[in-house]
PDB file of N, CA and C in Angstrom:
ATOM      1  N   MET A   1       8.069  -9.780 110.083  1.00  0.00           N
ATOM      2  CA  MET A   1       7.687 -10.569 108.997  1.00  0.00           C
ATOM      3  C   MET A   1       8.072 -12.235 109.040  1.00  0.00           C
ATOM      4  N   ARG A   2       7.496 -12.736 108.922  1.00  0.00           N
ATOM      5  CA  ARG A   2       7.884 -14.132 109.273  1.00  0.00           C
ATOM      6  C   ARG A   2       7.775 -15.051 108.015  1.00  0.00           C
ATOM      7  N   TYR A   3       7.883 -15.483 107.431  1.00  0.00           N
ATOM      8  CA  TYR A   3       8.563 -16.298 106.188  1.00  0.00           C
ATOM      9  C   TYR A   3       8.826 -17.691 106.261  1.00  0.00           C
ATOM     10  N   PHE A   4       8.301 -18.613 105.294  1.00  0.00           N
ATOM     11  CA  PHE A   4       8.592 -20.260 105.422  1.00  0.00           C
ATOM     12  C   PHE A   4       9.019 -20.851 104.317  1.00  0.00           C
ATOM     13  N   LYS A   5       9.954 -20.795 105.247  1.00  0.00           N
ATOM     14  CA  LYS A   5      10.900 -21.307 103.372  1.00  0.00           C
ATOM     15  C   LYS A   5      10.775 -22.214 102.909  1.00  0.00           C
ATOM     16  N   LYS A   6      10.242 -22.086 101.386  1.00  0.00           N
ATOM     17  CA  LYS A   6       9.466 -23.245 100.596  1.00  0.00           C
ATOM     18  C   LYS A   6      11.081 -24.326  99.655  1.00  0.00           C
ATOM     19  N   ILE A   7      11.488 -23.181  99.530  1.00  0.00           N
ATOM     20  CA  ILE A   7      12.395 -23.960  98.355  1.00  0.00           C
ATOM     21  C   ILE A   7      14.166 -22.864  98.603  1.00  0.00           C
ATOM     22  N   VAL A   8      15.160 -23.336  99.482  1.00  0.00           N
ATOM     23  CA  VAL A   8      16.273 -22.392 100.090  1.00  0.00           C
ATOM     24  C   VAL A   8      17.090 -22.186  98.825  1.00  0.00           C
ATOM     25  N   GLY A   9      18.401 -21.527  98.000  1.00  0.00           N
ATOM     26  CA  GLY A   9      18.848 -21.220  97.396  1.00  0.00           C
ATOM     27  C   GLY A   9      19.878 -20.302  98.628  1.00  0.00           C
ATOM     28  N   ASP A  10      21.785 -19.700  97.663  1.00  0.00           N
ATOM     29  CA  ASP A  10      22.339 -19.659  98.442  1.00  0.00           C
ATOM     30  C   ASP A  10      22.135 -17.955  98.748  1.00  0.00           C
ATOM     31  N   LYS A  11      21.036 -17.501  98.374  1.00  0.00           N
ATOM     32  CA  LYS A  11      21.464 -15.942  98.066  1.00  0.00           C
ATOM     33  C   LYS A  11      19.415 -15.887  98.576  1.00  0.00           C
ATOM     34  N   VAL A  12      18.790 -16.036  98.114  1.00  0.00           N
ATOM     35  CA  VAL A  12      17.338 -16.717  98.939  1.00  0.00           C
ATOM     36  C   VAL A  12      16.840 -17.518  98.581  1.00  0.00           C
ATOM     37  N   TYR A  13      15.328 -17.486  99.197  1.00  0.00           N
ATOM     38  CA  TYR A  13      14.386 -18.658  98.959  1.00  0.00           C
ATOM     39  C   TYR A  13      13.221 -17.674  98.687  1.00  0.00           C
ATOM     40  N   LEU A  14      12.499 -18.831  98.575  1.00  0.00           N
ATOM     41  CA  LEU A  14      11.048 -18.810  97.642  1.00  0.00           C
ATOM     42  C   LEU A  14      10.686 -18.814  98.933  1.00  0.00           C
ATOM     43  N   SER A  15       9.007 -18.677  99.665  1.00  0.00           N
ATOM     44  CA  SER A  15       8.306 -18.098 100.446  1.00  0.00           C
ATOM     45  C   SER A  15       6.573 -17.499 100.404  1.00  0.00           C
ATOM     46  N   PRO A  16       5.664 -17.940 100.526  1.00  0.00           N
ATOM     47  CA  PRO A  16       4.215 -18.339 100.345  1.00  0.00           C
ATOM     48  C   PRO A  16       4.107 -16.268 100.650  1.00  0.00           C
ATOM     49  N   ILE A  17       3.332 -15.281 100.549  1.00  0.00           N
ATOM     50  CA  ILE A  17       3.407 -14.831 100.505  1.00  0.00           C
ATOM     51  C   ILE A  17       2.925 -14.398 101.654  1.00  0.00           C
ATOM     52  N   ASN A  18       3.294 -13.222 102.137  1.00  0.00           N
ATOM     53  CA  ASN A  18       3.026 -12.318 104.068  1.00  0.00           C
ATOM     54  C   ASN A  18       2.024 -11.869 103.729  1.00  0.00           C
ATOM     55  N   CYS A  19       0.094 -10.832 103.930  1.00  0.00           N
ATOM     56  CA  CYS A  19      -0.337 -10.259 103.694  1.00  0.00           C
ATOM     57  C   CYS A  19       0.795  -8.638 104.310  1.00  0.00           C
ATOM     58  N   ASP A  20       1.779  -8.819 105.195  1.00  0.00           N
ATOM     59  CA  ASP A  20       2.210  -7.526 105.254  1.00  0.00           C
ATOM     60  C   ASP A  20       2.253  -7.277 103.709  1.00  0.00           C
ATOM     61  N   ASP A  21       3.461  -8.101 103.008  1.00  0.00           N
ATOM     62  CA  ASP A  21       4.253  -7.549 101.439  1.00  0.00           C
ATOM     63  C   ASP A  21       2.915  -7.186 100.839  1.00  0.00           C
ATOM     64  N   TYR A  22       1.687  -7.535 100.479  1.00  0.00           N
ATOM     65  CA  TYR A  22       0.174  -6.791 100.079  1.00  0.00           C
ATOM     66  C   TYR A  22       0.820  -5.219  99.027  1.00  0.00           C
ATOM     67  N   LEU A  23       1.572  -4.899 100.227  1.00  0.00           N
ATOM     68  CA  LEU A  23       1.025  -3.533  99.982  1.00  0.00           C
ATOM     69  C   LEU A  23       2.572  -3.254  98.540  1.00  0.00           C
ATOM     70  N   LYS A  24       4.166  -3.579  98.884  1.00  0.00           N
ATOM     71  CA  LYS A  24       4.541  -4.029  98.176  1.00  0.00           C
ATOM     72  C   LYS A  24       4.151  -4.572  96.644  1.00  0.00           C
ATOM     73  N   TYR A  25       3.454  -5.769  97.589  1.00  0.00           N
ATOM     74  CA  TYR A  25       2.934  -6.633  95.844  1.00  0.00           C
ATOM     75  C   TYR A  25       2.153  -5.863  94.426  1.00  0.00           C
ATOM     76  N   VAL A  26       1.389  -4.737  95.099  1.00  0.00           N
ATOM     77  CA  VAL A  26       1.026  -3.997  95.086  1.00  0.00           C
ATOM     78  C   VAL A  26       1.624  -2.856  93.755  1.00  0.00           C
ATOM     79  N   GLU A  27       2.150  -2.149  94.647  1.00  0.00           N
ATOM     80  CA  GLU A  27       3.289  -1.337  93.260  1.00  0.00           C
ATOM     81  C   GLU A  27       4.435  -1.681  92.799  1.00  0.00           C
ATOM     82  N   TRP A  28       4.500  -3.311  92.798  1.00  0.00           N
ATOM     83  CA  TRP A  28       5.873  -3.934  91.784  1.00  0.00           C
ATOM     84  C   TRP A  28       4.437  -3.724  90.652  1.00  0.00           C
ATOM     85  N   LEU A  29       3.437  -4.357  91.039  1.00  0.00           N
ATOM     86  CA  LEU A  29       2.059  -4.410  89.512  1.00  0.00           C
ATOM     87  C   LEU A  29       1.764  -3.934  88.780  1.00  0.00           C
ATOM     88  N   ASN A  30       1.842  -2.317  89.393  1.00  0.00           N
ATOM     89  CA  ASN A  30       1.201  -0.906  88.950  1.00  0.00           C
ATOM     90  C   ASN A  30       3.037  -0.430  88.204  1.00  0.00           C
ATOM     91  N   ASP A  31       4.094  -0.515  88.780  1.00  0.00           N
ATOM     92  CA  ASP A  31       5.483   0.503  87.734  1.00  0.00           C
ATOM     93  C   ASP A  31       5.885  -1.083  86.913  1.00  0.00           C
ATOM     94  N   ARG A  32       5.596  -0.193  85.649  1.00  0.00           N
ATOM     95  CA  ARG A  32       5.556  -0.705  84.205  1.00  0.00           C
ATOM     96  C   ARG A  32       7.213  -0.784  84.250  1.00  0.00           C
ATOM     97  N   ASP A  33       8.291  -0.778  84.551  1.00  0.00           N
ATOM     98  CA  ASP A  33       9.253  -0.605  83.928  1.00  0.00           C
ATOM     99  C   ASP A  33       9.825  -2.773  85.587  1.00  0.00           C
ATOM    100  N   ILE A  34       8.626  -2.622  85.923  1.00  0.00           N
ATOM    101  CA  ILE A  34       8.909  -4.233  86.874  1.00  0.00           C
ATOM    102  C   ILE A  34       8.144  -4.903  86.067  1.00  0.00           C
ATOM    103  N   SER A  35       6.290  -5.265  85.953  1.00  0.00           N
ATOM    104  CA  SER A  35       5.606  -5.174  85.699  1.00  0.00           C
ATOM    105  C   SER A  35       5.390  -5.675  84.025  1.00  0.00           C
ATOM    106  N   LYS A  36       6.041  -4.779  83.275  1.00  0.00           N
ATOM    107  CA  LYS A  36       5.769  -5.822  82.066  1.00  0.00           C
ATOM    108  C   LYS A  36       6.411  -6.566  81.347  1.00  0.00           C
ATOM    109  N   TYR A  37       7.797  -7.799  82.314  1.00  0.00           N
ATOM    110  CA  TYR A  37       7.605  -9.251  82.457  1.00  0.00           C
ATOM    111  C   TYR A  37       7.131 -10.213  82.551  1.00  0.00           C
ATOM    112  N   ILE A  38       6.086  -9.499  83.214  1.00  0.00           N
ATOM    113  CA  ILE A  38       4.801 -10.336  85.049  1.00  0.00           C
ATOM    114  C   ILE A  38       3.799  -9.752  84.410  1.00  0.00           C
ATOM    115  N   SER A  39       3.256  -8.927  84.028  1.00  0.00           N
ATOM    116  CA  SER A  39       1.911  -8.856  84.234  1.00  0.00           C
ATOM    117  C   SER A  39       1.637  -8.006  82.910  1.00  0.00           C
ATOM    118  N   ASN A  40      -0.256  -8.016  82.774  1.00  0.00           N
ATOM    119  CA  ASN A  40      -0.316  -6.889  82.013  1.00  0.00           C
ATOM    120  C   ASN A  40      -0.190  -5.196  82.434  1.00  0.00           C
ATOM    121  N   TYR A  41       0.612  -5.130  82.330  1.00  0.00           N
ATOM    122  CA  TYR A  41       0.750  -3.531  83.028  1.00  0.00           C
ATOM    123  C   TYR A  41      -0.017  -2.898  82.839  1.00  0.00           C
ATOM    124  N   THR A  42      -0.681  -2.075  81.231  1.00  0.00           N
ATOM    125  CA  THR A  42      -1.377  -1.796  80.724  1.00  0.00           C
ATOM    126  C   THR A  42      -2.290  -1.651  82.021  1.00  0.00           C
ATOM    127  N   ASN A  43      -3.262  -2.622  82.694  1.00  0.00           N
ATOM    128  CA  ASN A  43      -4.221  -2.411  83.635  1.00  0.00           C
ATOM    129  C   ASN A  43      -3.274  -1.607  84.863  1.00  0.00           C
ATOM    130  N   MET A  44      -4.798  -1.093  85.661  1.00  0.00           N
ATOM    131  CA  MET A  44      -3.980  -1.218  87.289  1.00  0.00           C
ATOM    132  C   MET A  44      -4.334  -1.663  88.355  1.00  0.00           C
ATOM    133  N   ILE A  45      -3.742  -2.407  89.483  1.00  0.00           N
ATOM    134  CA  ILE A  45      -4.332  -3.650  89.748  1.00  0.00           C
ATOM    135  C   ILE A  45      -4.129  -2.589  91.066  1.00  0.00           C
ATOM    136  N   SER A  46      -5.665  -2.694  91.973  1.00  0.00           N
ATOM    137  CA  SER A  46      -5.295  -2.605  93.276  1.00  0.00           C
ATOM    138  C   SER A  46      -5.322  -2.907  94.764  1.00  0.00           C
ATOM    139  N   LEU A  47      -5.185  -2.937  95.249  1.00  0.00           N
ATOM    140  CA  LEU A  47      -4.553  -3.429  96.753  1.00  0.00           C
ATOM    141  C   LEU A  47      -6.012  -5.085  96.828  1.00  0.00           C
ATOM    142  N   MET A  48      -7.387  -4.370  97.449  1.00  0.00           N
ATOM    143  CA  MET A  48      -8.759  -5.483  97.329  1.00  0.00           C
ATOM    144  C   MET A  48      -8.555  -6.219  96.020  1.00  0.00           C
ATOM    145  N   THR A  49      -7.976  -5.936  94.635  1.00  0.00           N
ATOM    146  CA  THR A  49      -8.094  -6.533  94.065  1.00  0.00           C
ATOM    147  C   THR A  49      -7.062  -8.310  94.385  1.00  0.00           C
ATOM    148  N   ILE A  50      -5.998  -7.869  94.769  1.00  0.00           N
ATOM    149  CA  ILE A  50      -4.483  -8.717  95.554  1.00  0.00           C
ATOM    150  C   ILE A  50      -4.974  -9.795  96.897  1.00  0.00           C
ATOM    151  N   ILE A  51      -6.152  -8.674  97.027  1.00  0.00           N
ATOM    152  CA  ILE A  51      -6.036  -9.947  98.518  1.00  0.00           C
ATOM    153  C   ILE A  51      -7.564 -10.513  98.336  1.00  0.00           C
ATOM    154  N   GLU A  52      -8.332 -10.189  97.267  1.00  0.00           N
ATOM    155  CA  GLU A  52      -9.237 -11.435  96.594  1.00  0.00           C
ATOM    156  C   GLU A  52      -8.493 -11.951  95.905  1.00  0.00           C
ATOM    157  N   LYS A  53      -7.385 -12.076  94.897  1.00  0.00           N
ATOM    158  CA  LYS A  53      -7.097 -13.195  94.289  1.00  0.00           C
ATOM    159  C   LYS A  53      -6.469 -13.279  95.127  1.00  0.00           C
ATOM    160  N   HIS A  54      -5.241 -14.007  96.061  1.00  0.00           N
ATOM    161  CA  HIS A  54      -4.534 -14.574  97.000  1.00  0.00           C
ATOM    162  C   HIS A  54      -6.365 -15.160  98.194  1.00  0.00           C
ATOM    163  N   ILE A  55      -7.197 -14.915  98.308  1.00  0.00           N
ATOM    164  CA  ILE A  55      -8.166 -15.869  99.331  1.00  0.00           C
ATOM    165  C   ILE A  55      -8.436 -17.035  98.021  1.00  0.00           C
ATOM    166  N   LEU A  56      -8.796 -15.657  97.344  1.00  0.00           N
ATOM    167  CA  LEU A  56      -9.864 -17.391  95.826  1.00  0.00           C
ATOM    168  C   LEU A  56      -8.321 -18.949  95.956  1.00  0.00           C
ATOM    169  N   LEU A  57      -7.411 -17.407  95.892  1.00  0.00           N
ATOM    170  CA  LEU A  57      -6.166 -19.329  95.736  1.00  0.00           C
ATOM    171  C   LEU A  57      -6.167 -20.082  96.953  1.00  0.00           C
ATOM    172  N   LEU A  58      -5.966 -19.397  98.259  1.00  0.00           N
ATOM    173  CA  LEU A  58      -6.231 -20.285  99.731  1.00  0.00           C
ATOM    174  C   LEU A  58      -6.892 -21.223  99.129  1.00  0.00           C
ATOM    175  N   PHE A  59      -7.792 -20.500  99.040  1.00  0.00           N
ATOM    176  CA  PHE A  59      -9.945 -21.541  99.163  1.00  0.00           C
ATOM    177  C   PHE A  59      -8.976 -23.101  97.898  1.00  0.00           C
ATOM    178  N   ARG A  60      -8.329 -22.592  97.504  1.00  0.00           N
ATOM    179  CA  ARG A  60      -7.999 -23.635  95.871  1.00  0.00           C
ATOM    180  C   ARG A  60      -6.173 -24.808  96.178  1.00  0.00           C
ATOM    181  N   GLY A  61      -6.381 -24.330  97.998  1.00  0.00           N
ATOM    182  CA  GLY A  61      -4.846 -24.929  98.529  1.00  0.00           C
ATOM    183  C   GLY A  61      -3.435 -24.630  97.844  1.00  0.00           C
ATOM    184  N   LYS A  62      -4.420 -23.312  97.214  1.00  0.00           N
ATOM    185  CA  LYS A  62      -2.729 -22.568  96.659  1.00  0.00           C
ATOM    186  C   LYS A  62      -2.267 -21.197  97.129  1.00  0.00           C
ATOM    187  N   SER A  63      -1.416 -20.907  96.421  1.00  0.00           N
ATOM    188  CA  SER A  63      -0.925 -19.342  97.688  1.00  0.00           C
ATOM    189  C   SER A  63      -0.040 -18.830  96.307  1.00  0.00           C
ATOM    190  N   LEU A  64      -0.101 -17.274  96.736  1.00  0.00           N
ATOM    191  CA  LEU A  64       1.165 -16.893  96.156  1.00  0.00           C
ATOM    192  C   LEU A  64       2.852 -16.815  96.873  1.00  0.00           C
ATOM    193  N   PHE A  65       3.168 -16.201  95.724  1.00  0.00           N
ATOM    194  CA  PHE A  65       5.364 -16.991  96.489  1.00  0.00           C
ATOM    195  C   PHE A  65       5.801 -15.262  96.552  1.00  0.00           C
ATOM    196  N   ILE A  66       6.945 -15.481  97.832  1.00  0.00           N
ATOM    197  CA  ILE A  66       7.446 -14.378  96.417  1.00  0.00           C
ATOM    198  C   ILE A  66       9.339 -14.215  97.225  1.00  0.00           C
ATOM    199  N   ILE A  67      10.222 -13.832  96.090  1.00  0.00           N
ATOM    200  CA  ILE A  67      11.555 -14.730  96.559  1.00  0.00           C
ATOM    201  C   ILE A  67      12.212 -13.532  97.599  1.00  0.00           C
ATOM    202  N   GLN A  68      13.067 -13.286  98.693  1.00  0.00           N
ATOM    203  CA  GLN A  68      13.028 -13.747  99.956  1.00  0.00           C
ATOM    204  C   GLN A  68      14.273 -13.128  99.544  1.00  0.00           C
ATOM    205  N   MET A  69      15.521 -12.314  99.949  1.00  0.00           N
ATOM    206  CA  MET A  69      16.375 -12.686  99.911  1.00  0.00           C
ATOM    207  C   MET A  69      17.471 -13.035 101.595  1.00  0.00           C
ATOM    208  N   GLN A  70      18.646 -14.009 101.347  1.00  0.00           N
ATOM    209  CA  GLN A  70      19.276 -14.604 102.998  1.00  0.00           C
ATOM    210  C   GLN A  70      19.686 -13.931 103.468  1.00  0.00           C
ATOM    211  N   SER A  71      19.610 -14.130 104.630  1.00  0.00           N
ATOM    212  CA  SER A  71      20.393 -12.995 105.982  1.00  0.00           C
ATOM    213  C   SER A  71      21.496 -13.623 105.580  1.00  0.00           C
ATOM    214  N   ILE A  72      22.446 -12.653 106.308  1.00  0.00           N
ATOM    215  CA  ILE A  72      23.943 -12.065 105.575  1.00  0.00           C
ATOM    216  C   ILE A  72      23.649 -13.193 106.774  1.00  0.00           C
ATOM    217  N   LYS A  73      25.322 -13.289 107.159  1.00  0.00           N
ATOM    218  CA  LYS A  73      25.758 -14.455 108.410  1.00  0.00           C
ATOM    219  C   LYS A  73      26.793 -13.822 108.516  1.00  0.00           C
TER     220      LYS A  73
END
């Protein structure tokens, strides 16, 4: 999986989301323990919803971002 590091820290970096991450993102958004801090956890969010929202963001020149752990060297 390829990531493009936009902001790099000591342990993590911020990268635009890779389409291979959509399923994991949907799992997080539908996990009450995770999503209660970042979204409306009372609604179920589908994979298609995430894909549609990401396409709309891309057309507006924006993107979803993820936080990725740095590889230990």
